[in-house]
Amino acid sequence: MTVSSLAEKTDRNGDGAQAEPPRRTSYFAEHQKIHPKSVRGTFRRLKWAALILLLSLYYVTPWIRWDRGPNAPDQAVLVDMPGRRLYFFFVELWPQQIYYLTGVLILSAVGLFLATALAGRIWCGYACPQTVWTDLFMWVERLVEGDRSERIRLDKAPWSFGKLRKRATKHAVWLLISLATGGAWIFYFNDAPTLVGEMLRFEASGNVLFFIGLFTATTYLLAGMAREQVCIYMCPWPRFQSAMIDEESLVVTYEAWRGEGRGPLRKSQSAEERKAAGLGDCIDCGACVHVCPTGIDIRNGPQLACIGCGLCVDACNDVMARIGRPGDLVRFDTLNAQVARTAGESPKFKLIRPRTIIYSLILLVVGGAMVAGLVFKPALDVNILRDRAPLFVQLSNGDLQNAYTIKILNMTREPRDYRLEFTGLAGASLSVAGAEGAAGQTATVHADPDSVATHRILVRVPRGNVTRPSTDTEFILTPLGGGSPVRHGTVFLGP
């Protein structure tokens, strides 16, 4: 029997009819496009204020100037990759001081934990870059294609010149915003006026053009196309935010005790008649769902996709005002407050509780340590490496010699000379390789401004003064003309 005849036989049922092929089961829900409706209210105004402030800071900051003296960049915020410096107004960090970035990351993380413990996903709803740029893109979409109902009709309409014109206009504006976003990001790594001049003269490097294109594409795709899918599926924060909140955290809630049961409002129906019919204040209009940027129904309780923006609060309050019912059916509230309201009691809010105290103390300690470190940040650092091949040299007069490479970080804007001393072994003398003059108890080394100077130091010790194969010693570098000395421990090796 052939394979085809066997398949034909097994594909037939008892009455000889051809059996239907098995249906494939899908474990993934199809994406439903969300068309958020415009809304007015307190939280919408707060979101506009946050958007304007944050975008202004992002686009304007690279153009702020800060005088650091001659031969220094005057851009206030600059990541100078060729010069290996990070400038933030009066703060200047070298690669050796990268640990300050660790402190910034700790402050950012713990600050996010504290904000979440106090007010839920307030970062996601108001300050997250994905939220800010998505808000801007949706504003452009409404401006070009209309509000929710008009956009839905446009999606369902067949292609025409009018539809093509609107879609082309929308995407063109999105691309312009994305290009401005990608270009502004590159300005943080290059002098903004200089780079703009190079771009206008078509002299920008390939690296600059590549990264502008990369950030343009990611902004366009994430804010224009992915939108709420970034918040729901890509961002890890919703998965563990529940560990940051408790019964006293302010989150968007629905007062089910007051709103249920749901039902449409009939004409001339009073509140008493609705109550007698077993209906609450919720008229099931769907306004809270229509304005949600992630398309959830807050009446179903706290959800992973809720970004805590509060637009549903504005939408519901508008409806309640129009039907003559009290507002805040949907509101920012705590779980304990909701329990108290359900029981007819006055809610109490606790801002000070164990987790907020711990987060605040961490912020205070880490922030204080960083401020102290910046205030007392040294202008001089030294790094010394002993040569390993050979470990030591015995000179013709019997003295033992070790060689060291010293790197001096002069973090000032002026050239400096330093006195170098070697302690730990009696009779030690040192000299700078390649420099004129005899060896002595001290040596003078030079460092150019804002640079790393490298010198090779030769240390000689009489053979009789070296009693061990390895002796702990120390170099002392003292700025000539005033300044605190810097000490660096090392060893001197012998037979």
Protein backbone atom coordinates (compact mmCIF):
# COMPACT_ATOMS: atom_id res chain seq x y z
CA MET A 1 0.00 0.00 0.00
CA THR A 2 1.35 3.38 -0.97
CA VAL A 3 1.61 6.34 1.39
CA SER A 4 -1.03 8.26 -0.59
CA SER A 5 -3.54 5.41 -0.49
CA LEU A 6 -2.94 4.92 3.23
CA ALA A 7 -3.53 8.63 3.85
CA GLU A 8 -6.72 8.45 1.73
CA LYS A 9 -7.95 5.48 3.70
CA THR A 10 -7.31 7.06 7.08
CA ASP A 11 -8.85 10.34 5.97
CA ARG A 12 -12.24 8.71 5.37
CA ASN A 13 -14.81 8.09 8.07
CA GLY A 14 -17.16 5.19 8.37
CA ASP A 15 -19.58 6.27 5.64
CA GLY A 16 -16.82 6.80 3.13
CA ALA A 17 -16.99 10.60 3.22
CA GLN A 18 -13.79 12.64 3.31
CA ALA A 19 -13.05 13.69 6.93
CA GLU A 20 -12.46 17.36 7.73
CA PRO A 21 -8.84 18.22 8.51
CA PRO A 22 -8.20 18.99 12.17
CA ARG A 23 -8.35 22.65 13.08
CA ARG A 24 -5.19 24.30 14.32
CA THR A 25 -5.47 25.74 17.81
CA SER A 26 -3.99 29.21 18.33
CA TYR A 27 -2.67 30.12 21.74
CA PHE A 28 -2.20 33.79 20.88
CA ALA A 29 -4.90 36.43 20.70
CA GLU A 30 -4.95 38.58 17.60
CA HIS A 31 -3.93 42.19 18.11
CA GLN A 32 -6.89 44.51 18.36
CA LYS A 33 -6.05 48.02 17.19
CA ILE A 34 -6.81 50.62 19.84
CA HIS A 35 -8.25 54.02 18.95
CA PRO A 36 -8.01 56.16 22.13
CA LYS A 37 -10.50 59.00 22.28
CA SER A 38 -9.50 62.53 23.21
CA VAL A 39 -10.55 63.70 26.67
CA ARG A 40 -10.36 66.82 28.78
CA GLY A 41 -9.81 67.08 32.49
CA THR A 42 -7.32 67.40 35.30
CA PHE A 43 -5.19 64.39 34.48
CA ARG A 44 -5.14 65.16 30.77
CA ARG A 45 -3.80 68.64 31.59
CA LEU A 46 -1.17 67.09 33.86
CA LYS A 47 -0.10 64.79 31.04
CA TRP A 48 0.16 67.73 28.63
CA ALA A 49 2.25 69.64 31.17
CA ALA A 50 4.57 66.67 31.69
CA LEU A 51 4.86 66.12 27.93
CA ILE A 52 5.76 69.74 27.20
CA LEU A 53 8.24 69.93 30.06
CA LEU A 54 10.02 66.66 29.29
CA LEU A 55 10.20 67.19 25.53
CA SER A 56 11.46 70.73 26.04
CA LEU A 57 14.20 69.47 28.32
CA TYR A 58 15.13 66.75 25.85
CA TYR A 59 15.34 68.96 22.78
CA VAL A 60 16.76 72.11 24.42
CA THR A 61 19.38 70.68 26.81
CA PRO A 62 22.09 70.00 24.16
CA TRP A 63 22.01 73.70 23.24
CA ILE A 64 22.68 74.99 26.77
CA ARG A 65 26.21 76.37 27.11
CA TRP A 66 28.50 76.12 30.16
CA ASP A 67 31.85 77.90 30.37
CA ARG A 68 34.58 75.52 31.55
CA GLY A 69 37.55 77.62 30.53
CA PRO A 70 39.93 77.39 27.56
CA ASN A 71 40.40 74.14 25.65
CA ALA A 72 37.26 72.63 27.20
CA PRO A 73 33.85 71.95 25.62
CA ASP A 74 31.21 74.51 26.51
CA GLN A 75 28.18 72.24 26.08
CA ALA A 76 26.42 71.86 29.43
CA VAL A 77 25.56 68.17 28.99
CA LEU A 78 27.93 66.17 26.82
CA VAL A 79 29.19 62.60 26.61
CA ASP A 80 32.58 63.18 24.99
CA MET A 81 33.55 59.73 23.70
CA PRO A 82 36.80 60.77 21.91
CA GLY A 83 37.90 62.78 24.96
CA ARG A 84 36.66 60.10 27.38
CA ARG A 85 34.75 62.56 29.53
CA LEU A 86 31.19 63.01 30.75
CA TYR A 87 30.14 66.60 31.37
CA PHE A 88 27.03 67.59 33.29
CA PHE A 89 27.09 71.32 33.98
CA PHE A 90 29.74 71.73 36.73
CA VAL A 91 30.36 67.96 37.04
CA GLU A 92 33.15 66.39 34.98
CA LEU A 93 33.67 62.64 35.19
CA TRP A 94 36.63 60.63 33.91
CA PRO A 95 36.46 56.93 32.98
CA GLN A 96 38.03 56.10 36.35
CA GLN A 97 35.03 57.72 38.04
CA ILE A 98 32.40 55.65 36.27
CA TYR A 99 31.18 54.47 39.67
CA TYR A 100 29.17 57.70 39.87
CA LEU A 101 26.96 56.29 37.12
CA THR A 102 26.32 53.30 39.37
CA GLY A 103 25.06 55.73 41.99
CA VAL A 104 22.82 57.40 39.41
CA LEU A 105 21.36 54.02 38.44
CA ILE A 106 20.72 53.15 42.09
CA LEU A 107 19.01 56.50 42.69
CA SER A 108 16.89 56.04 39.56
CA ALA A 109 15.81 52.52 40.50
CA VAL A 110 15.03 53.29 44.14
CA GLY A 111 13.32 56.54 43.13
CA LEU A 112 11.10 54.52 40.80
CA PHE A 113 10.38 52.07 43.63
CA LEU A 114 9.39 54.95 45.93
CA ALA A 115 7.18 56.61 43.30
CA THR A 116 5.44 53.27 42.66
CA ALA A 117 4.91 52.63 46.36
CA LEU A 118 3.29 56.05 46.70
CA ALA A 119 1.32 56.42 43.46
CA GLY A 120 1.44 53.20 41.46
CA ARG A 121 2.62 53.46 37.87
CA ILE A 122 2.87 57.25 37.86
CA TRP A 123 6.18 56.97 35.99
CA CYS A 124 4.56 54.89 33.25
CA GLY A 125 1.61 57.24 32.91
CA TYR A 126 3.45 60.56 32.85
CA ALA A 127 7.24 60.38 32.48
CA CYS A 128 8.19 57.21 30.59
CA PRO A 129 9.68 58.11 27.17
CA GLN A 130 7.41 55.55 25.49
CA THR A 131 4.35 57.25 27.00
CA VAL A 132 5.55 60.77 26.19
CA TRP A 133 6.33 60.14 22.53
CA THR A 134 3.25 57.93 22.03
CA ASP A 135 1.11 60.76 23.41
CA LEU A 136 2.71 63.14 20.93
CA PHE A 137 2.20 60.75 18.03
CA MET A 138 -1.46 60.18 18.96
CA TRP A 139 -2.00 63.95 19.12
CA VAL A 140 -0.69 64.20 15.54
CA GLU A 141 -2.95 61.30 14.53
CA ARG A 142 -6.04 63.03 15.95
CA LEU A 143 -5.04 66.29 14.31
CA VAL A 144 -4.78 64.67 10.87
CA GLU A 145 -7.35 61.86 10.93
CA GLY A 146 -9.84 63.05 13.55
CA ASP A 147 -11.02 61.62 16.85
CA ARG A 148 -11.81 58.02 17.68
CA SER A 149 -14.96 57.48 15.61
CA GLU A 150 -13.46 59.20 12.57
CA ARG A 151 -10.31 57.08 12.75
CA ILE A 152 -12.33 53.88 13.05
CA ARG A 153 -14.36 54.83 9.97
CA LEU A 154 -11.16 55.72 8.12
CA ASP A 155 -9.67 52.30 8.92
CA LYS A 156 -12.74 50.53 7.54
CA ALA A 157 -13.07 52.77 4.48
CA PRO A 158 -11.65 51.59 1.14
CA TRP A 159 -8.49 53.23 -0.10
CA SER A 160 -9.07 56.57 -1.77
CA PHE A 161 -7.10 59.73 -2.46
CA GLY A 162 -8.41 61.31 0.74
CA LYS A 163 -7.44 58.32 2.88
CA LEU A 164 -4.03 58.10 1.22
CA ARG A 165 -3.45 61.82 1.78
CA LYS A 166 -4.29 61.61 5.48
CA ARG A 167 -2.17 58.52 6.06
CA ALA A 168 0.78 59.98 4.15
CA THR A 169 0.54 63.26 6.08
CA LYS A 170 0.39 61.48 9.43
CA HIS A 171 3.37 59.25 8.73
CA ALA A 172 5.38 62.15 7.29
CA VAL A 173 4.89 64.15 10.50
CA TRP A 174 5.73 61.07 12.56
CA LEU A 175 8.98 60.65 10.60
CA LEU A 176 9.88 64.32 11.10
CA ILE A 177 9.34 64.00 14.86
CA SER A 178 11.36 60.77 14.88
CA LEU A 179 14.16 62.44 12.93
CA ALA A 180 14.23 65.35 15.37
CA THR A 181 14.31 62.85 18.24
CA GLY A 182 17.17 60.82 16.77
CA GLY A 183 19.10 63.98 15.90
CA ALA A 184 18.65 65.43 19.39
CA TRP A 185 19.96 62.23 20.96
CA ILE A 186 23.15 62.42 18.88
CA PHE A 187 23.64 66.02 20.07
CA TYR A 188 24.28 64.66 23.57
CA PHE A 189 27.40 62.93 22.18
CA ASN A 190 28.62 65.74 19.92
CA ASP A 191 28.80 69.53 20.11
CA ALA A 192 25.33 70.49 18.87
CA PRO A 193 26.14 73.67 16.83
CA THR A 194 29.18 72.04 15.25
CA LEU A 195 27.27 68.90 14.29
CA VAL A 196 24.40 70.90 12.79
CA GLY A 197 26.91 72.81 10.65
CA GLU A 198 28.46 69.55 9.46
CA MET A 199 25.05 68.12 8.61
CA LEU A 200 24.05 71.23 6.64
CA ARG A 201 27.32 70.99 4.69
CA PHE A 202 26.78 67.22 4.18
CA GLU A 203 29.98 66.52 6.12
CA ALA A 204 28.52 64.39 8.92
CA SER A 205 30.33 61.10 9.50
CA GLY A 206 28.86 57.72 8.71
CA ASN A 207 28.63 56.85 12.41
CA VAL A 208 26.55 59.96 13.09
CA LEU A 209 24.19 59.22 10.21
CA PHE A 210 23.86 55.59 11.28
CA PHE A 211 22.83 56.42 14.85
CA ILE A 212 20.47 59.17 13.73
CA GLY A 213 18.82 56.65 11.43
CA LEU A 214 18.73 54.02 14.18
CA PHE A 215 17.03 56.26 16.75
CA THR A 216 14.72 57.70 14.10
CA ALA A 217 13.56 54.19 13.17
CA THR A 218 13.11 53.02 16.78
CA THR A 219 11.12 56.16 17.71
CA TYR A 220 8.89 55.76 14.66
CA LEU A 221 8.26 52.06 15.26
CA LEU A 222 7.80 52.14 19.03
CA ALA A 223 5.74 55.34 19.36
CA GLY A 224 3.91 55.12 16.05
CA MET A 225 3.36 51.41 15.49
CA ALA A 226 3.92 49.39 18.68
CA ARG A 227 2.40 51.88 21.14
CA GLU A 228 0.59 50.05 23.92
CA GLN A 229 2.22 46.74 22.96
CA VAL A 230 5.49 48.07 24.36
CA CYS A 231 3.81 48.72 27.72
CA ILE A 232 1.94 45.43 27.80
CA TYR A 233 4.39 42.93 26.27
CA MET A 234 7.88 44.44 25.94
CA CYS A 235 8.36 46.40 29.18
CA PRO A 236 9.35 44.24 32.19
CA TRP A 237 8.17 46.76 34.78
CA PRO A 238 4.47 45.67 34.88
CA ARG A 239 5.58 42.13 35.72
CA PHE A 240 7.09 43.02 39.07
CA GLN A 241 5.47 46.35 39.97
CA SER A 242 3.09 44.45 42.27
CA ALA A 243 6.04 43.88 44.60
CA MET A 244 6.41 47.65 44.97
CA ILE A 245 2.81 48.55 45.86
CA ASP A 246 0.71 47.73 48.90
CA GLU A 247 -2.73 48.53 50.31
CA GLU A 248 -1.74 52.19 50.78
CA SER A 249 -0.51 52.87 47.23
CA LEU A 250 -2.56 55.26 45.14
CA VAL A 251 -3.78 53.46 42.01
CA VAL A 252 -6.65 53.94 39.58
CA THR A 253 -9.72 52.23 41.04
CA TYR A 254 -13.39 51.75 40.23
CA GLU A 255 -15.93 52.08 43.05
CA ALA A 256 -17.89 48.93 42.32
CA TRP A 257 -19.90 49.33 45.51
CA ARG A 258 -21.35 52.50 44.03
CA GLY A 259 -21.31 51.78 40.29
CA GLU A 260 -22.78 48.26 40.14
CA GLY A 261 -24.98 47.05 38.67
CA ARG A 262 -24.35 48.62 35.35
CA GLY A 263 -27.03 49.66 32.97
CA PRO A 264 -27.86 52.35 30.42
CA LEU A 265 -29.53 55.51 31.66
CA ARG A 266 -33.08 55.78 30.40
CA LYS A 267 -34.52 59.18 29.71
CA SER A 268 -35.96 60.88 32.82
CA GLN A 269 -34.80 58.02 35.05
CA SER A 270 -33.95 59.30 38.52
CA ALA A 271 -31.23 57.99 40.83
CA GLU A 272 -33.87 56.54 43.13
CA GLU A 273 -35.48 54.65 40.27
CA ARG A 274 -32.12 53.25 39.20
CA LYS A 275 -31.40 52.17 42.77
CA ALA A 276 -34.79 50.51 43.05
CA ALA A 277 -34.05 48.65 39.83
CA GLY A 278 -30.76 47.39 41.27
CA LEU A 279 -28.64 49.72 39.15
CA GLY A 280 -25.70 51.87 40.25
CA ASP A 281 -24.17 55.07 38.95
CA CYS A 282 -22.30 53.38 36.08
CA ILE A 283 -24.37 53.75 32.93
CA ASP A 284 -22.09 51.40 30.98
CA CYS A 285 -21.23 54.08 28.41
CA GLY A 286 -17.70 52.76 27.86
CA ALA A 287 -16.13 56.22 28.06
CA CYS A 288 -13.41 54.97 30.43
CA VAL A 289 -12.49 52.24 27.94
CA HIS A 290 -12.55 54.50 24.88
CA VAL A 291 -9.98 56.94 26.30
CA CYS A 292 -7.59 54.31 27.69
CA PRO A 293 -4.30 54.26 25.76
CA THR A 294 -3.92 50.51 26.40
CA GLY A 295 -7.59 49.67 25.82
CA ILE A 296 -8.42 48.12 29.20
CA ASP A 297 -11.63 48.31 31.22
CA ILE A 298 -10.69 49.63 34.65
CA ARG A 299 -14.03 48.40 35.99
CA ASN A 300 -12.61 44.88 35.89
CA GLY A 301 -10.13 45.80 38.63
CA PRO A 302 -6.36 46.39 38.71
CA GLN A 303 -4.65 45.06 35.59
CA LEU A 304 -1.14 44.63 34.28
CA ALA A 305 -1.83 46.84 31.25
CA CYS A 306 -3.00 49.85 33.29
CA ILE A 307 -0.30 52.55 33.13
CA GLY A 308 -1.95 54.74 35.78
CA CYS A 309 -2.43 57.79 33.55
CA GLY A 310 -5.86 58.67 34.99
CA LEU A 311 -7.52 59.55 31.67
CA CYS A 312 -10.38 57.21 32.55
CA VAL A 313 -10.95 59.34 35.66
CA ASP A 314 -11.40 62.45 33.48
CA ALA A 315 -13.73 60.61 31.09
CA CYS A 316 -15.93 59.20 33.85
CA ASN A 317 -16.09 62.50 35.74
CA ASP A 318 -17.28 64.21 32.57
CA VAL A 319 -20.08 61.65 32.17
CA MET A 320 -21.07 61.87 35.84
CA ALA A 321 -21.28 65.67 35.60
CA ARG A 322 -23.56 65.45 32.55
CA ILE A 323 -25.99 63.03 34.20
CA GLY A 324 -25.96 64.87 37.51
CA ARG A 325 -24.23 62.24 39.61
CA PRO A 326 -21.22 62.69 41.97
CA GLY A 327 -17.80 62.37 40.36
CA ASP A 328 -14.90 60.08 41.15
CA LEU A 329 -16.69 56.86 40.34
CA VAL A 330 -13.31 56.05 38.82
CA ARG A 331 -10.58 57.64 40.89
CA PHE A 332 -7.04 57.45 42.24
CA ASP A 333 -7.41 55.69 45.57
CA THR A 334 -5.86 53.08 47.83
CA LEU A 335 -7.19 49.61 48.53
CA ASN A 336 -7.66 50.40 52.22
CA ALA A 337 -9.48 53.63 51.37
CA GLN A 338 -11.83 51.74 49.06
CA VAL A 339 -12.59 49.24 51.82
CA ALA A 340 -13.36 52.13 54.18
CA ARG A 341 -15.59 53.87 51.62
CA THR A 342 -17.49 50.64 51.02
CA ALA A 343 -18.18 50.42 54.76
CA GLY A 344 -19.24 54.08 54.88
CA GLU A 345 -16.19 55.14 56.87
CA SER A 346 -13.78 58.02 56.30
CA PRO A 347 -10.64 56.84 54.48
CA LYS A 348 -7.19 57.38 55.95
CA PHE A 349 -4.01 57.63 53.92
CA LYS A 350 -0.58 56.56 55.16
CA LEU A 351 2.31 58.04 53.22
CA ILE A 352 4.83 57.07 55.90
CA ARG A 353 5.13 53.30 56.14
CA PRO A 354 8.02 50.79 56.25
CA ARG A 355 8.70 50.54 52.53
CA THR A 356 8.56 54.28 51.90
CA ILE A 357 10.88 54.87 54.85
CA ILE A 358 13.38 52.29 53.55
CA TYR A 359 13.31 53.70 50.01
CA SER A 360 13.72 57.25 51.32
CA LEU A 361 16.66 56.27 53.52
CA ILE A 362 18.40 54.55 50.60
CA LEU A 363 17.90 57.66 48.47
CA LEU A 364 19.23 59.85 51.26
CA VAL A 365 22.32 57.72 51.90
CA VAL A 366 23.27 57.14 48.26
CA GLY A 367 22.46 60.71 47.26
CA GLY A 368 24.43 62.10 50.20
CA ALA A 369 27.41 59.89 49.38
CA MET A 370 27.37 61.06 45.76
CA VAL A 371 27.13 64.73 46.73
CA ALA A 372 29.99 64.33 49.20
CA GLY A 373 32.04 62.52 46.57
CA LEU A 374 31.47 65.29 44.03
CA VAL A 375 32.26 68.03 46.53
CA PHE A 376 35.52 66.39 47.59
CA LYS A 377 36.33 64.92 44.18
CA PRO A 378 40.14 65.05 43.82
CA ALA A 379 41.78 66.87 40.94
CA LEU A 380 44.64 64.36 40.94
CA ASP A 381 44.83 60.60 40.72
CA VAL A 382 47.74 58.23 40.20
CA ASN A 383 48.09 54.65 39.06
CA ILE A 384 51.38 52.74 39.38
CA LEU A 385 52.30 49.41 37.77
CA ARG A 386 55.53 47.56 38.54
CA ASP A 387 57.35 45.92 35.64
CA ARG A 388 57.07 42.13 35.69
CA ALA A 389 59.82 41.31 33.23
CA PRO A 390 62.35 41.32 34.68
CA LEU A 391 61.17 41.27 38.28
CA PHE A 392 64.30 43.10 39.36
CA VAL A 393 67.78 43.94 38.06
CA GLN A 394 71.08 43.76 39.99
CA LEU A 395 73.37 46.58 38.91
CA SER A 396 77.15 46.38 38.59
CA ASN A 397 77.65 48.02 42.01
CA GLY A 398 75.37 45.43 43.66
CA ASP A 399 72.29 47.68 44.00
CA LEU A 400 68.86 46.23 43.18
CA GLN A 401 66.61 48.05 40.74
CA ASN A 402 62.84 47.81 40.13
CA ALA A 403 61.04 49.65 37.32
CA TYR A 404 57.56 51.16 37.64
CA THR A 405 55.17 52.81 35.20
CA ILE A 406 53.33 55.73 36.76
CA LYS A 407 50.21 57.27 35.23
CA ILE A 408 49.26 60.71 36.56
CA LEU A 409 45.72 61.98 35.97
CA ASN A 410 45.84 65.77 36.00
CA MET A 411 42.17 66.76 36.17
CA THR A 412 42.85 70.50 36.17
CA ARG A 413 42.90 72.93 33.24
CA GLU A 414 46.53 73.93 33.78
CA PRO A 415 49.91 72.12 33.54
CA ARG A 416 51.23 70.80 36.83
CA ASP A 417 54.57 69.59 38.20
CA TYR A 418 54.73 67.01 40.99
CA ARG A 419 57.33 65.81 43.47
CA LEU A 420 57.59 62.02 43.56
CA GLU A 421 58.94 60.22 46.64
CA PHE A 422 59.55 56.53 47.43
CA THR A 423 59.27 55.26 51.01
CA GLY A 424 59.56 51.90 52.74
CA LEU A 425 63.24 51.06 52.09
CA ALA A 426 66.26 52.94 53.46
CA GLY A 427 68.70 54.38 50.95
CA ALA A 428 66.27 54.24 48.04
CA SER A 429 66.84 56.59 45.12
CA LEU A 430 64.70 57.11 42.06
CA SER A 431 65.01 58.57 38.59
CA VAL A 432 62.79 59.17 35.59
CA ALA A 433 63.74 57.07 32.58
CA GLY A 434 64.87 59.28 29.71
CA ALA A 435 65.24 62.37 31.89
CA GLU A 436 68.50 64.14 32.58
CA GLY A 437 70.05 64.26 36.03
CA ALA A 438 71.27 61.77 38.59
CA ALA A 439 69.03 59.64 40.77
CA GLY A 440 67.94 61.18 44.06
CA GLN A 441 65.58 60.75 46.96
CA THR A 442 62.86 62.58 44.98
CA ALA A 443 62.06 63.18 41.33
CA THR A 444 60.02 65.82 39.55
CA VAL A 445 57.42 64.73 36.99
CA HIS A 446 55.16 66.79 34.73
CA ALA A 447 51.57 66.42 33.51
CA ASP A 448 49.81 68.46 30.85
CA PRO A 449 46.40 69.97 31.65
CA ASP A 450 43.39 67.67 31.54
CA SER A 451 45.41 64.66 30.51
CA VAL A 452 47.09 61.46 31.63
CA ALA A 453 50.89 61.66 31.85
CA THR A 454 52.90 58.42 31.73
CA HIS A 455 56.43 58.15 33.18
CA ARG A 456 58.75 55.21 33.75
CA ILE A 457 60.39 55.37 37.17
CA LEU A 458 63.56 53.46 38.14
CA VAL A 459 64.04 52.79 41.88
CA ARG A 460 67.44 51.66 43.19
CA VAL A 461 68.09 50.26 46.67
CA PRO A 462 71.41 49.05 48.16
CA ARG A 463 71.55 45.28 48.26
CA GLY A 464 72.06 45.15 52.01
CA ASN A 465 68.84 47.11 52.68
CA VAL A 466 66.65 44.53 50.92
CA THR A 467 66.10 41.74 53.44
CA ARG A 468 63.02 40.07 51.94
CA PRO A 469 61.96 38.91 48.47
CA SER A 470 58.99 41.32 48.59
CA THR A 471 58.85 44.52 50.62
CA ASP A 472 55.79 46.72 50.97
CA THR A 473 56.59 50.25 49.83
CA GLU A 474 54.78 53.41 48.83
CA PHE A 475 54.98 56.23 46.29
CA ILE A 476 53.96 59.74 47.36
CA LEU A 477 53.00 62.27 44.67
CA THR A 478 52.77 65.89 45.86
CA PRO A 479 51.65 68.79 43.59
CA LEU A 480 54.22 71.57 43.50
CA GLY A 481 52.67 74.90 44.36
CA GLY A 482 50.11 73.47 46.78
CA GLY A 483 47.72 70.60 47.00
CA SER A 484 47.09 67.38 48.89
CA PRO A 485 49.55 64.52 48.26
CA VAL A 486 48.38 61.22 46.77
CA ARG A 487 49.76 57.92 48.08
CA HIS A 488 49.92 54.66 46.18
CA GLY A 489 51.14 51.40 47.71
CA THR A 490 53.30 48.92 45.82
CA VAL A 491 56.09 46.38 46.47
CA PHE A 492 59.82 46.20 45.83
CA LEU A 493 61.12 42.78 44.77
CA GLY A 494 64.55 41.32 45.37
CA PRO A 495 66.28 37.94 45.46
